[in-house]
Amino acid sequence: MTEIPEHLRKRAEAAKAKAQAAAGGTTPDDDSPAPDAPVGTVPSGDDKIPSHLLDRGTAAADLPAPTAGTPVPVAGGLAPPAGSSGPDGHNQRLLTVVKSGSIQDTRATPVDKIHVWPHLLLAEFLAALAITLFTLLFAIFVNAPLLELADFNKTPNPSKAPWYFLGLQELLTMFHPMVAGVTIPGIGLFLLILAPYIDKNPSRRPEDRKFAISLMTIHLMFWSVLVMIGSFFRGPGFNFVFPWNAGLFFEL
């Protein structure tokens, strides 16, 4: 059974009342439809409803209300029993109103994200070119002489590692090699790996990232202090000396 929507009925009644008022010489209110206008009457103008729809609606209104489990005669055969599916036993609808929220995904808050390419990779590529150019020019104009051949009869004193390994060499003078070379550096690297999983705040403001910034600051200060002690405060025999008293024992 097909049902004509209520808004179409009201439009037909309002159009019929307007036509009757125009024929009688009066002007009715547009917002008040005529309650006694026949449903099956075809209105004139732009709001005309096809006559076959009005006929079907009138015929459906005259039929007795179906009971659950009783087939309803319609054009072309029998409809499913009332109450079998759909609200009030109806299985068809002429029009359906769908709210915009159910088919549109509207995001009120903007997402603060940028694409890796080209924004990040382009900046990194330009930085890499600048560093490469600086290194090339520095190597052309500044000499880096090698030391003399090693002589096992003349061992340099003190014998220091390159500056970037002096922090590790300083640790070796204080702890067992297993602790200084594996345990302490391993703990430091493990904490740095866990930092982004512990501090998940996406903010870039220092006051909002206190844990991550504090951890990285402690790591840098710890290693920098060890490097400076090994570079400037270690003399012959790798003993602790003051550079302003015993001199400076440091070479690049």
C-alpha atoms as a PDB file:
ATOM      1  CA  MET A   1       0.000   0.000   0.000  1.00  0.00           C
ATOM      2  CA  THR A   2       1.353   3.394  -0.997  1.00  0.00           C
ATOM      3  CA  GLU A   3       0.888   6.388   1.291  1.00  0.00           C
ATOM      4  CA  ILE A   4       1.039  10.010   0.140  1.00  0.00           C
ATOM      5  CA  PRO A   5       3.179  12.118   2.481  1.00  0.00           C
ATOM      6  CA  GLU A   6       1.365  14.569   4.715  1.00  0.00           C
ATOM      7  CA  HIS A   7       3.152  17.648   3.339  1.00  0.00           C
ATOM      8  CA  LEU A   8       1.902  16.833  -0.177  1.00  0.00           C
ATOM      9  CA  ARG A   9      -1.658  16.594   1.140  1.00  0.00           C
ATOM     10  CA  LYS A  10      -1.351  19.976   2.830  1.00  0.00           C
ATOM     11  CA  ARG A  11       0.039  21.590  -0.317  1.00  0.00           C
ATOM     12  CA  ALA A  12      -2.859  20.184  -2.365  1.00  0.00           C
ATOM     13  CA  GLU A  13      -5.408  21.469   0.154  1.00  0.00           C
ATOM     14  CA  ALA A  14      -3.793  24.921   0.282  1.00  0.00           C
ATOM     15  CA  ALA A  15      -3.719  25.145  -3.526  1.00  0.00           C
ATOM     16  CA  LYS A  16      -7.389  24.122  -3.740  1.00  0.00           C
ATOM     17  CA  ALA A  17      -8.396  26.723  -1.124  1.00  0.00           C
ATOM     18  CA  LYS A  18      -6.448  29.407  -2.979  1.00  0.00           C
ATOM     19  CA  ALA A  19      -8.174  28.495  -6.247  1.00  0.00           C
ATOM     20  CA  GLN A  20     -11.615  28.618  -4.613  1.00  0.00           C
ATOM     21  CA  ALA A  21     -10.841  31.962  -2.985  1.00  0.00           C
ATOM     22  CA  ALA A  22      -9.662  33.392  -6.305  1.00  0.00           C
ATOM     23  CA  ALA A  23     -12.875  32.246  -7.997  1.00  0.00           C
ATOM     24  CA  GLY A  24     -14.999  33.773  -5.200  1.00  0.00           C
ATOM     25  CA  GLY A  25     -13.054  37.090  -5.177  1.00  0.00           C
ATOM     26  CA  THR A  26     -11.440  36.687  -1.748  1.00  0.00           C
ATOM     27  CA  THR A  27      -7.762  36.217  -0.846  1.00  0.00           C
ATOM     28  CA  PRO A  28      -7.154  33.583   1.824  1.00  0.00           C
ATOM     29  CA  ASP A  29      -4.126  33.354   4.039  1.00  0.00           C
ATOM     30  CA  ASP A  30      -1.314  31.362   2.375  1.00  0.00           C
ATOM     31  CA  ASP A  31      -0.346  29.633   5.592  1.00  0.00           C
ATOM     32  CA  SER A  32      -3.817  28.267   6.425  1.00  0.00           C
ATOM     33  CA  PRO A  33      -4.835  25.315   4.241  1.00  0.00           C
ATOM     34  CA  ALA A  34      -8.502  24.584   3.719  1.00  0.00           C
ATOM     35  CA  PRO A  35      -9.400  21.671   5.965  1.00  0.00           C
ATOM     36  CA  ASP A  36     -12.482  20.689   3.937  1.00  0.00           C
ATOM     37  CA  ALA A  37     -10.710  20.560   0.575  1.00  0.00           C
ATOM     38  CA  PRO A  38     -10.992  17.106  -1.037  1.00  0.00           C
ATOM     39  CA  VAL A  39      -7.797  15.175  -1.047  1.00  0.00           C
ATOM     40  CA  GLY A  40      -8.192  13.820  -4.557  1.00  0.00           C
ATOM     41  CA  THR A  41      -8.617  17.224  -6.229  1.00  0.00           C
ATOM     42  CA  VAL A  42      -5.785  18.181  -8.564  1.00  0.00           C
ATOM     43  CA  PRO A  43      -4.511  21.713  -7.787  1.00  0.00           C
ATOM     44  CA  SER A  44      -3.468  24.186 -10.458  1.00  0.00           C
ATOM     45  CA  GLY A  45      -0.177  26.078 -10.809  1.00  0.00           C
ATOM     46  CA  ASP A  46       3.340  24.964  -9.977  1.00  0.00           C
ATOM     47  CA  ASP A  47       2.255  22.787  -7.037  1.00  0.00           C
ATOM     48  CA  LYS A  48       0.264  20.328  -9.220  1.00  0.00           C
ATOM     49  CA  ILE A  49       0.433  16.725  -7.991  1.00  0.00           C
ATOM     50  CA  PRO A  50      -0.048  13.918 -10.529  1.00  0.00           C
ATOM     51  CA  SER A  51      -3.588  12.666 -10.498  1.00  0.00           C
ATOM     52  CA  HIS A  52      -2.614   9.018 -10.236  1.00  0.00           C
ATOM     53  CA  LEU A  53      -0.881   9.703  -6.939  1.00  0.00           C
ATOM     54  CA  LEU A  54      -3.963  11.464  -5.551  1.00  0.00           C
ATOM     55  CA  ASP A  55      -6.183   8.641  -6.784  1.00  0.00           C
ATOM     56  CA  ARG A  56      -3.995   6.055  -5.106  1.00  0.00           C
ATOM     57  CA  GLY A  57      -3.980   8.070  -1.905  1.00  0.00           C
ATOM     58  CA  THR A  58      -7.778   8.430  -1.922  1.00  0.00           C
ATOM     59  CA  ALA A  59      -8.246   4.735  -2.600  1.00  0.00           C
ATOM     60  CA  ALA A  60      -5.835   3.845   0.189  1.00  0.00           C
ATOM     61  CA  ALA A  61      -7.663   6.167   2.611  1.00  0.00           C
ATOM     62  CA  ASP A  62     -10.993   4.452   1.846  1.00  0.00           C
ATOM     63  CA  LEU A  63      -9.647   0.939   2.523  1.00  0.00           C
ATOM     64  CA  PRO A  64     -10.153  -0.547   5.989  1.00  0.00           C
ATOM     65  CA  ALA A  65      -7.165  -0.636   8.305  1.00  0.00           C
ATOM     66  CA  PRO A  66      -5.275  -3.917   7.797  1.00  0.00           C
ATOM     67  CA  THR A  67      -4.609  -6.238  10.649  1.00  0.00           C
ATOM     68  CA  ALA A  68      -1.352  -7.983  11.361  1.00  0.00           C
ATOM     69  CA  GLY A  69      -0.809 -10.960   9.064  1.00  0.00           C
ATOM     70  CA  THR A  70      -3.413  -9.908   6.461  1.00  0.00           C
ATOM     71  CA  PRO A  71      -2.203  -9.300   2.877  1.00  0.00           C
ATOM     72  CA  VAL A  72      -3.090  -5.887   1.446  1.00  0.00           C
ATOM     73  CA  PRO A  73      -4.341  -5.732  -2.193  1.00  0.00           C
ATOM     74  CA  VAL A  74      -2.357  -3.294  -4.291  1.00  0.00           C
ATOM     75  CA  ALA A  75      -1.888  -2.775  -8.006  1.00  0.00           C
ATOM     76  CA  GLY A  76      -0.012  -5.686  -9.484  1.00  0.00           C
ATOM     77  CA  GLY A  77      -0.597  -8.226  -6.694  1.00  0.00           C
ATOM     78  CA  LEU A  78      -0.656  -8.507  -2.923  1.00  0.00           C
ATOM     79  CA  ALA A  79       1.612  -6.575  -0.610  1.00  0.00           C
ATOM     80  CA  PRO A  80       3.295  -8.329   2.329  1.00  0.00           C
ATOM     81  CA  PRO A  81       1.157  -8.742   5.426  1.00  0.00           C
ATOM     82  CA  ALA A  82       0.783  -5.685   7.603  1.00  0.00           C
ATOM     83  CA  GLY A  83       3.257  -5.561  10.457  1.00  0.00           C
ATOM     84  CA  SER A  84       5.683  -7.900   8.713  1.00  0.00           C
ATOM     85  CA  SER A  85       8.246  -5.173   8.035  1.00  0.00           C
ATOM     86  CA  GLY A  86       8.539  -1.414   8.283  1.00  0.00           C
ATOM     87  CA  PRO A  87       6.670   0.950  10.642  1.00  0.00           C
ATOM     88  CA  ASP A  88       2.897   0.506  10.714  1.00  0.00           C
ATOM     89  CA  GLY A  89       3.148  -2.336   8.212  1.00  0.00           C
ATOM     90  CA  HIS A  90       4.210  -0.088   5.301  1.00  0.00           C
ATOM     91  CA  ASN A  91       6.977  -1.310   3.065  1.00  0.00           C
ATOM     92  CA  GLN A  92       7.280   1.640   0.666  1.00  0.00           C
ATOM     93  CA  ARG A  93       7.761   5.358   1.012  1.00  0.00           C
ATOM     94  CA  LEU A  94       7.370   8.019  -1.646  1.00  0.00           C
ATOM     95  CA  LEU A  95       9.897  10.439  -0.179  1.00  0.00           C
ATOM     96  CA  THR A  96      12.601  10.156   2.461  1.00  0.00           C
ATOM     97  CA  VAL A  97      14.171  13.049   4.343  1.00  0.00           C
ATOM     98  CA  VAL A  98      17.809  12.443   5.197  1.00  0.00           C
ATOM     99  CA  LYS A  99      19.547  14.759   7.634  1.00  0.00           C
ATOM    100  CA  SER A 100      22.773  16.303   6.410  1.00  0.00           C
ATOM    101  CA  GLY A 101      24.667  15.172   9.501  1.00  0.00           C
ATOM    102  CA  SER A 102      24.243  11.507   8.603  1.00  0.00           C
ATOM    103  CA  ILE A 103      25.927  11.798   5.200  1.00  0.00           C
ATOM    104  CA  GLN A 104      28.424  14.590   5.813  1.00  0.00           C
ATOM    105  CA  ASP A 105      31.518  14.344   7.989  1.00  0.00           C
ATOM    106  CA  THR A 106      32.031  17.886   9.205  1.00  0.00           C
ATOM    107  CA  ARG A 107      35.102  18.591  11.307  1.00  0.00           C
ATOM    108  CA  ALA A 108      34.739  21.720  13.383  1.00  0.00           C
ATOM    109  CA  THR A 109      38.303  21.719  14.742  1.00  0.00           C
ATOM    110  CA  PRO A 110      41.210  21.978  12.264  1.00  0.00           C
ATOM    111  CA  VAL A 111      43.917  19.331  12.353  1.00  0.00           C
ATOM    112  CA  ASP A 112      47.428  20.686  12.855  1.00  0.00           C
ATOM    113  CA  LYS A 113      49.275  18.407  10.438  1.00  0.00           C
ATOM    114  CA  ILE A 114      51.517  18.947   7.436  1.00  0.00           C
ATOM    115  CA  HIS A 115      52.719  16.566   4.757  1.00  0.00           C
ATOM    116  CA  VAL A 116      56.238  15.174   4.964  1.00  0.00           C
ATOM    117  CA  TRP A 117      56.746  15.872   1.269  1.00  0.00           C
ATOM    118  CA  PRO A 118      57.500  18.532   0.272  1.00  0.00           C
ATOM    119  CA  HIS A 119      57.412  20.558   3.499  1.00  0.00           C
ATOM    120  CA  LEU A 120      59.805  18.527   5.684  1.00  0.00           C
ATOM    121  CA  LEU A 121      61.944  16.713   3.124  1.00  0.00           C
ATOM    122  CA  LEU A 122      62.571  19.867   1.116  1.00  0.00           C
ATOM    123  CA  ALA A 123      63.884  21.705   4.193  1.00  0.00           C
ATOM    124  CA  GLU A 124      66.076  18.725   5.147  1.00  0.00           C
ATOM    125  CA  PHE A 125      67.458  18.484   1.601  1.00  0.00           C
ATOM    126  CA  LEU A 126      68.389  22.177   1.551  1.00  0.00           C
ATOM    127  CA  ALA A 127      70.026  21.856   4.973  1.00  0.00           C
ATOM    128  CA  ALA A 128      72.040  18.855   3.780  1.00  0.00           C
ATOM    129  CA  LEU A 129      73.232  20.825   0.725  1.00  0.00           C
ATOM    130  CA  ALA A 130      74.287  23.748   2.917  1.00  0.00           C
ATOM    131  CA  ILE A 131      76.268  21.503   5.303  1.00  0.00           C
ATOM    132  CA  THR A 132      77.927  19.699   2.398  1.00  0.00           C
ATOM    133  CA  LEU A 133      78.971  22.998   0.823  1.00  0.00           C
ATOM    134  CA  PHE A 134      80.363  24.281   4.128  1.00  0.00           C
ATOM    135  CA  THR A 135      82.345  21.056   4.694  1.00  0.00           C
ATOM    136  CA  LEU A 136      83.768  21.209   1.165  1.00  0.00           C
ATOM    137  CA  LEU A 137      84.901  24.831   1.517  1.00  0.00           C
ATOM    138  CA  PHE A 138      86.318  24.173   4.985  1.00  0.00           C
ATOM    139  CA  ALA A 139      88.321  21.194   3.678  1.00  0.00           C
ATOM    140  CA  ILE A 140      89.717  23.267   0.785  1.00  0.00           C
ATOM    141  CA  PHE A 141      90.947  26.248   2.822  1.00  0.00           C
ATOM    142  CA  VAL A 142      91.822  24.611   6.187  1.00  0.00           C
ATOM    143  CA  ASN A 143      94.528  21.946   6.398  1.00  0.00           C
ATOM    144  CA  ALA A 144      94.065  18.884   8.589  1.00  0.00           C
ATOM    145  CA  PRO A 145      97.589  17.462   8.973  1.00  0.00           C
ATOM    146  CA  LEU A 146      98.034  13.899  10.153  1.00  0.00           C
ATOM    147  CA  LEU A 147     100.185  13.050  13.144  1.00  0.00           C
ATOM    148  CA  GLU A 148     103.561  11.408  12.708  1.00  0.00           C
ATOM    149  CA  LEU A 149     103.845   7.675  12.394  1.00  0.00           C
ATOM    150  CA  ALA A 150     103.164   5.736  15.545  1.00  0.00           C
ATOM    151  CA  ASP A 151     106.293   4.706  17.460  1.00  0.00           C
ATOM    152  CA  PHE A 152     105.876   2.001  20.081  1.00  0.00           C
ATOM    153  CA  ASN A 153     109.034   3.254  21.771  1.00  0.00           C
ATOM    154  CA  LYS A 154     107.492   6.711  22.202  1.00  0.00           C
ATOM    155  CA  THR A 155     103.946   6.528  23.488  1.00  0.00           C
ATOM    156  CA  PRO A 156     102.196   9.895  23.794  1.00  0.00           C
ATOM    157  CA  ASN A 157     101.255  10.857  27.326  1.00  0.00           C
ATOM    158  CA  PRO A 158      98.429  11.444  27.842  1.00  0.00           C
ATOM    159  CA  SER A 159      96.886   9.214  25.186  1.00  0.00           C
ATOM    160  CA  LYS A 160      93.392  10.519  24.551  1.00  0.00           C
ATOM    161  CA  ALA A 161      90.626   9.372  22.271  1.00  0.00           C
ATOM    162  CA  PRO A 162      88.996  11.804  19.808  1.00  0.00           C
ATOM    163  CA  TRP A 163      86.955  14.481  21.548  1.00  0.00           C
ATOM    164  CA  TYR A 164      83.619  12.829  20.766  1.00  0.00           C
ATOM    165  CA  PHE A 165      84.771   9.670  22.615  1.00  0.00           C
ATOM    166  CA  LEU A 166      86.348  11.431  25.581  1.00  0.00           C
ATOM    167  CA  GLY A 167      83.117  11.197  27.558  1.00  0.00           C
ATOM    168  CA  LEU A 168      83.243   7.408  27.281  1.00  0.00           C
ATOM    169  CA  GLN A 169      86.952   7.387  28.159  1.00  0.00           C
ATOM    170  CA  GLU A 170      86.174   9.500  31.218  1.00  0.00           C
ATOM    171  CA  LEU A 171      83.561   6.954  32.318  1.00  0.00           C
ATOM    172  CA  LEU A 172      86.155   4.161  31.948  1.00  0.00           C
ATOM    173  CA  THR A 173      88.338   5.854  34.558  1.00  0.00           C
ATOM    174  CA  MET A 174      85.450   5.757  37.082  1.00  0.00           C
ATOM    175  CA  PHE A 175      83.626   2.452  36.503  1.00  0.00           C
ATOM    176  CA  HIS A 176      84.184  -1.078  35.333  1.00  0.00           C
ATOM    177  CA  PRO A 177      84.372  -1.360  31.510  1.00  0.00           C
ATOM    178  CA  MET A 178      81.097  -3.322  31.424  1.00  0.00           C
ATOM    179  CA  VAL A 179      79.298  -0.612  33.400  1.00  0.00           C
ATOM    180  CA  ALA A 180      80.941   2.367  31.654  1.00  0.00           C
ATOM    181  CA  GLY A 181      80.787   1.007  28.105  1.00  0.00           C
ATOM    182  CA  VAL A 182      77.464  -0.874  28.073  1.00  0.00           C
ATOM    183  CA  THR A 183      75.216  -0.295  31.080  1.00  0.00           C
ATOM    184  CA  ILE A 184      75.262   3.492  31.460  1.00  0.00           C
ATOM    185  CA  PRO A 185      75.093   4.356  27.710  1.00  0.00           C
ATOM    186  CA  GLY A 186      72.428   1.671  27.219  1.00  0.00           C
ATOM    187  CA  ILE A 187      70.228   3.093  29.977  1.00  0.00           C
ATOM    188  CA  GLY A 188      70.582   6.594  28.527  1.00  0.00           C
ATOM    189  CA  LEU A 189      69.623   5.495  25.017  1.00  0.00           C
ATOM    190  CA  PHE A 190      66.724   3.398  26.337  1.00  0.00           C
ATOM    191  CA  LEU A 191      65.277   6.385  28.231  1.00  0.00           C
ATOM    192  CA  LEU A 192      65.555   8.558  25.120  1.00  0.00           C
ATOM    193  CA  ILE A 193      63.703   5.900  23.106  1.00  0.00           C
ATOM    194  CA  LEU A 194      60.902   5.767  25.698  1.00  0.00           C
ATOM    195  CA  ALA A 195      60.562   9.558  25.947  1.00  0.00           C
ATOM    196  CA  PRO A 196      58.006  10.032  23.114  1.00  0.00           C
ATOM    197  CA  TYR A 197      55.898   7.151  24.462  1.00  0.00           C
ATOM    198  CA  ILE A 198      55.863   8.522  28.022  1.00  0.00           C
ATOM    199  CA  ASP A 199      55.345  12.189  27.114  1.00  0.00           C
ATOM    200  CA  LYS A 200      52.639  12.059  24.416  1.00  0.00           C
ATOM    201  CA  ASN A 201      51.756  15.750  24.535  1.00  0.00           C
ATOM    202  CA  PRO A 202      51.749  17.025  20.895  1.00  0.00           C
ATOM    203  CA  SER A 203      52.421  20.615  21.959  1.00  0.00           C
ATOM    204  CA  ARG A 204      55.657  22.295  20.851  1.00  0.00           C
ATOM    205  CA  ARG A 205      55.757  24.744  23.751  1.00  0.00           C
ATOM    206  CA  PRO A 206      58.586  24.028  26.258  1.00  0.00           C
ATOM    207  CA  GLU A 207      56.308  24.551  29.274  1.00  0.00           C
ATOM    208  CA  ASP A 208      54.015  21.771  27.978  1.00  0.00           C
ATOM    209  CA  ARG A 209      56.833  19.237  27.354  1.00  0.00           C
ATOM    210  CA  LYS A 210      58.670  19.375  30.669  1.00  0.00           C
ATOM    211  CA  PHE A 211      59.461  15.658  30.881  1.00  0.00           C
ATOM    212  CA  ALA A 212      60.894  15.260  27.365  1.00  0.00           C
ATOM    213  CA  ILE A 213      62.863  18.514  27.481  1.00  0.00           C
ATOM    214  CA  SER A 214      64.229  17.767  30.968  1.00  0.00           C
ATOM    215  CA  LEU A 215      65.333  14.274  29.937  1.00  0.00           C
ATOM    216  CA  MET A 216      67.135  15.517  26.816  1.00  0.00           C
ATOM    217  CA  THR A 217      68.748  18.386  28.740  1.00  0.00           C
ATOM    218  CA  ILE A 218      70.078  16.023  31.411  1.00  0.00           C
ATOM    219  CA  HIS A 219      71.487  13.718  28.719  1.00  0.00           C
ATOM    220  CA  LEU A 220      73.275  16.540  26.883  1.00  0.00           C
ATOM    221  CA  MET A 221      74.635  18.167  30.046  1.00  0.00           C
ATOM    222  CA  PHE A 222      75.880  14.826  31.419  1.00  0.00           C
ATOM    223  CA  TRP A 223      77.768  13.977  28.224  1.00  0.00           C
ATOM    224  CA  SER A 224      79.055  17.530  27.685  1.00  0.00           C
ATOM    225  CA  VAL A 225      80.522  17.707  31.200  1.00  0.00           C
ATOM    226  CA  LEU A 226      82.318  14.371  30.708  1.00  0.00           C
ATOM    227  CA  VAL A 227      83.759  15.523  27.362  1.00  0.00           C
ATOM    228  CA  MET A 228      85.011  18.838  28.824  1.00  0.00           C
ATOM    229  CA  ILE A 229      86.620  17.084  31.805  1.00  0.00           C
ATOM    230  CA  GLY A 230      88.386  14.582  29.556  1.00  0.00           C
ATOM    231  CA  SER A 231      89.482  17.322  27.135  1.00  0.00           C
ATOM    232  CA  PHE A 232      90.778  20.073  29.435  1.00  0.00           C
ATOM    233  CA  PHE A 233      91.220  18.556  32.902  1.00  0.00           C
ATOM    234  CA  ARG A 234      93.179  15.381  32.137  1.00  0.00           C
ATOM    235  CA  GLY A 235      96.979  15.536  31.908  1.00  0.00           C
ATOM    236  CA  PRO A 236      99.860  12.990  31.825  1.00  0.00           C
ATOM    237  CA  GLY A 237      98.747   9.561  32.888  1.00  0.00           C
ATOM    238  CA  PHE A 238      95.169  10.768  32.376  1.00  0.00           C
ATOM    239  CA  ASN A 239      95.323  12.310  35.824  1.00  0.00           C
ATOM    240  CA  PHE A 240      93.116  15.218  36.883  1.00  0.00           C
ATOM    241  CA  VAL A 241      94.902  18.565  36.468  1.00  0.00           C
ATOM    242  CA  PHE A 242      93.909  22.218  36.271  1.00  0.00           C
ATOM    243  CA  PRO A 243      94.655  23.665  32.816  1.00  0.00           C
ATOM    244  CA  TRP A 244      95.722  27.045  34.266  1.00  0.00           C
ATOM    245  CA  ASN A 245      98.411  25.305  36.372  1.00  0.00           C
ATOM    246  CA  ALA A 246      99.739  22.380  34.307  1.00  0.00           C
ATOM    247  CA  GLY A 247      98.836  23.538  30.808  1.00  0.00           C
ATOM    248  CA  LEU A 248      96.393  22.295  28.212  1.00  0.00           C
ATOM    249  CA  PHE A 249      96.702  18.683  27.019  1.00  0.00           C
ATOM    250  CA  PHE A 250      94.187  18.645  24.196  1.00  0.00           C
ATOM    251  CA  GLU A 251      94.463  18.004  20.459  1.00  0.00           C
ATOM    252  CA  LEU A 252      91.768  17.694  17.819  1.00  0.00           C
END
